[in-house]
Amino acid sequence: VAQYAVDHISVDYKKNALRLAKSYVKNINISNQALYDQLVSENGEGFTPEEAQYAMKHLDR
């Protein structure tokens, strides 16, 4: 059952990055650069630059 789940999971990392970016903006005062850095940081969220750029582009600020 677990292997079936792994084989058939569909994850949209760009949308996940956007969801987290919205959460950061809603809950803390953060600059665009700090938000981007948090999204791509290995010690932060670990998104790729492309995923983080998608989030920044689609963030309503």
N, C-alpha and C. Protein backbone atom coordinates (compact mmCIF):
# COMPACT_ATOMS: atom_id res chain seq x y z
N VAL A 1 0.83 -1.19 0.00
CA VAL A 1 0.00 0.00 0.00
C VAL A 1 0.88 1.25 0.00
N ALA A 2 1.91 1.24 0.82
CA ALA A 2 2.79 2.40 0.88
C ALA A 2 3.50 2.62 -0.45
N GLN A 3 3.96 1.57 -1.08
CA GLN A 3 4.64 1.72 -2.36
C GLN A 3 3.69 2.26 -3.42
N TYR A 4 2.44 1.83 -3.41
CA TYR A 4 1.46 2.35 -4.34
C TYR A 4 1.29 3.85 -4.14
N ALA A 5 1.22 4.27 -2.88
CA ALA A 5 1.07 5.70 -2.58
C ALA A 5 2.26 6.49 -3.10
N VAL A 6 3.46 5.99 -2.87
CA VAL A 6 4.68 6.67 -3.34
C VAL A 6 4.71 6.74 -4.86
N ASP A 7 4.32 5.67 -5.50
CA ASP A 7 4.33 5.63 -6.97
C ASP A 7 3.28 6.53 -7.61
N HIS A 8 2.24 6.88 -6.88
CA HIS A 8 1.13 7.63 -7.46
C HIS A 8 0.90 9.00 -6.83
N ILE A 9 1.84 9.46 -6.03
CA ILE A 9 1.67 10.77 -5.40
C ILE A 9 1.96 11.87 -6.43
N SER A 10 1.22 12.93 -6.32
CA SER A 10 1.43 14.09 -7.19
C SER A 10 1.60 15.32 -6.30
N VAL A 11 2.77 15.93 -6.39
CA VAL A 11 3.07 17.09 -5.55
C VAL A 11 3.37 18.28 -6.44
N ASP A 12 2.75 19.41 -6.15
CA ASP A 12 3.02 20.64 -6.87
C ASP A 12 3.84 21.55 -5.97
N TYR A 13 5.16 21.46 -6.10
CA TYR A 13 6.05 22.20 -5.22
C TYR A 13 5.94 23.71 -5.40
N LYS A 14 5.60 24.16 -6.60
CA LYS A 14 5.43 25.60 -6.82
C LYS A 14 4.25 26.11 -6.00
N LYS A 15 3.14 25.38 -6.01
CA LYS A 15 1.99 25.80 -5.22
C LYS A 15 2.28 25.71 -3.72
N ASN A 16 3.06 24.71 -3.33
CA ASN A 16 3.45 24.61 -1.92
C ASN A 16 4.32 25.80 -1.51
N ALA A 17 5.22 26.20 -2.38
CA ALA A 17 6.07 27.36 -2.09
C ALA A 17 5.21 28.61 -1.96
N LEU A 18 4.24 28.78 -2.82
CA LEU A 18 3.34 29.93 -2.76
C LEU A 18 2.53 29.91 -1.47
N ARG A 19 2.03 28.76 -1.09
CA ARG A 19 1.24 28.64 0.14
C ARG A 19 2.08 29.05 1.35
N LEU A 20 3.32 28.58 1.41
CA LEU A 20 4.19 28.94 2.52
C LEU A 20 4.57 30.42 2.49
N ALA A 21 4.81 30.95 1.31
CA ALA A 21 5.13 32.38 1.19
C ALA A 21 3.99 33.23 1.71
N LYS A 22 2.75 32.86 1.36
CA LYS A 22 1.59 33.59 1.86
C LYS A 22 1.51 33.52 3.38
N SER A 23 1.84 32.37 3.92
CA SER A 23 1.80 32.20 5.37
C SER A 23 2.84 33.10 6.05
N TYR A 24 4.05 33.14 5.51
CA TYR A 24 5.09 34.00 6.07
C TYR A 24 4.65 35.46 6.04
N VAL A 25 4.12 35.91 4.91
CA VAL A 25 3.70 37.31 4.77
C VAL A 25 2.57 37.64 5.73
N LYS A 26 1.67 36.71 5.91
CA LYS A 26 0.53 36.94 6.80
C LYS A 26 0.96 37.02 8.27
N ASN A 27 1.95 36.21 8.65
CA ASN A 27 2.29 36.07 10.06
C ASN A 27 3.49 36.88 10.53
N ILE A 28 4.37 37.28 9.63
CA ILE A 28 5.53 38.08 10.05
C ILE A 28 5.83 39.16 9.02
N ASN A 29 6.47 40.20 9.47
CA ASN A 29 6.91 41.27 8.58
C ASN A 29 8.25 40.84 7.98
N ILE A 30 8.24 40.51 6.70
CA ILE A 30 9.44 39.98 6.05
C ILE A 30 9.61 40.63 4.68
N SER A 31 10.83 40.99 4.36
CA SER A 31 11.10 41.60 3.06
C SER A 31 11.04 40.54 1.97
N ASN A 32 10.90 40.99 0.74
CA ASN A 32 10.88 40.05 -0.39
C ASN A 32 12.16 39.23 -0.45
N GLN A 33 13.31 39.88 -0.25
CA GLN A 33 14.58 39.15 -0.32
C GLN A 33 14.69 38.12 0.80
N ALA A 34 14.28 38.50 2.02
CA ALA A 34 14.34 37.57 3.14
C ALA A 34 13.38 36.40 2.92
N LEU A 35 12.23 36.68 2.35
CA LEU A 35 11.27 35.62 2.06
C LEU A 35 11.83 34.67 1.02
N TYR A 36 12.38 35.20 -0.05
CA TYR A 36 12.99 34.36 -1.08
C TYR A 36 14.11 33.51 -0.47
N ASP A 37 14.96 34.15 0.32
CA ASP A 37 16.07 33.42 0.96
C ASP A 37 15.56 32.29 1.84
N GLN A 38 14.48 32.54 2.57
CA GLN A 38 13.89 31.51 3.43
C GLN A 38 13.35 30.35 2.61
N LEU A 39 12.73 30.67 1.49
CA LEU A 39 12.16 29.62 0.65
C LEU A 39 13.22 28.71 0.05
N VAL A 40 14.37 29.27 -0.33
CA VAL A 40 15.41 28.45 -0.99
C VAL A 40 16.47 27.91 -0.04
N SER A 41 16.49 28.36 1.17
CA SER A 41 17.53 27.95 2.12
C SER A 41 17.44 26.47 2.47
N GLU A 42 18.59 25.82 2.54
CA GLU A 42 18.63 24.43 3.01
C GLU A 42 18.17 24.34 4.46
N ASN A 43 18.40 25.39 5.22
CA ASN A 43 17.98 25.42 6.62
C ASN A 43 16.57 25.97 6.77
N GLY A 44 15.99 26.39 5.66
CA GLY A 44 14.61 26.90 5.65
C GLY A 44 13.71 25.88 4.99
N GLU A 45 13.09 26.29 3.91
CA GLU A 45 12.11 25.43 3.25
C GLU A 45 12.70 24.50 2.20
N GLY A 46 13.84 24.87 1.61
CA GLY A 46 14.51 23.99 0.66
C GLY A 46 13.90 23.89 -0.72
N PHE A 47 13.14 24.91 -1.13
CA PHE A 47 12.60 24.91 -2.48
C PHE A 47 13.69 25.27 -3.47
N THR A 48 13.48 24.90 -4.73
CA THR A 48 14.42 25.29 -5.77
C THR A 48 14.24 26.77 -6.07
N PRO A 49 15.23 27.41 -6.69
CA PRO A 49 15.05 28.81 -7.09
C PRO A 49 13.83 29.00 -7.99
N GLU A 50 13.57 28.07 -8.89
CA GLU A 50 12.41 28.18 -9.79
C GLU A 50 11.10 28.15 -8.98
N GLU A 51 11.01 27.28 -8.01
CA GLU A 51 9.80 27.19 -7.18
C GLU A 51 9.62 28.46 -6.35
N ALA A 52 10.72 28.97 -5.79
CA ALA A 52 10.64 30.19 -4.99
C ALA A 52 10.29 31.39 -5.86
N GLN A 53 10.84 31.46 -7.06
CA GLN A 53 10.52 32.56 -7.97
C GLN A 53 9.05 32.52 -8.37
N TYR A 54 8.51 31.34 -8.56
CA TYR A 54 7.07 31.20 -8.85
C TYR A 54 6.26 31.79 -7.71
N ALA A 55 6.61 31.42 -6.48
CA ALA A 55 5.89 31.92 -5.31
C ALA A 55 5.97 33.43 -5.23
N MET A 56 7.15 33.99 -5.43
CA MET A 56 7.33 35.43 -5.33
C MET A 56 6.52 36.14 -6.42
N LYS A 57 6.49 35.58 -7.61
CA LYS A 57 5.77 36.19 -8.73
C LYS A 57 4.25 36.20 -8.49
N HIS A 58 3.74 35.18 -7.84
CA HIS A 58 2.30 35.03 -7.66
C HIS A 58 1.82 35.48 -6.27
N LEU A 59 2.71 36.01 -5.49
CA LEU A 59 2.35 36.50 -4.15
C LEU A 59 1.72 37.87 -4.28
N ASP A 60 0.55 38.03 -3.71
CA ASP A 60 -0.13 39.33 -3.72
C ASP A 60 0.40 40.18 -2.58
N ARG A 61 1.22 41.15 -2.92
CA ARG A 61 1.80 42.03 -1.90
C ARG A 61 1.53 43.44 -2.24
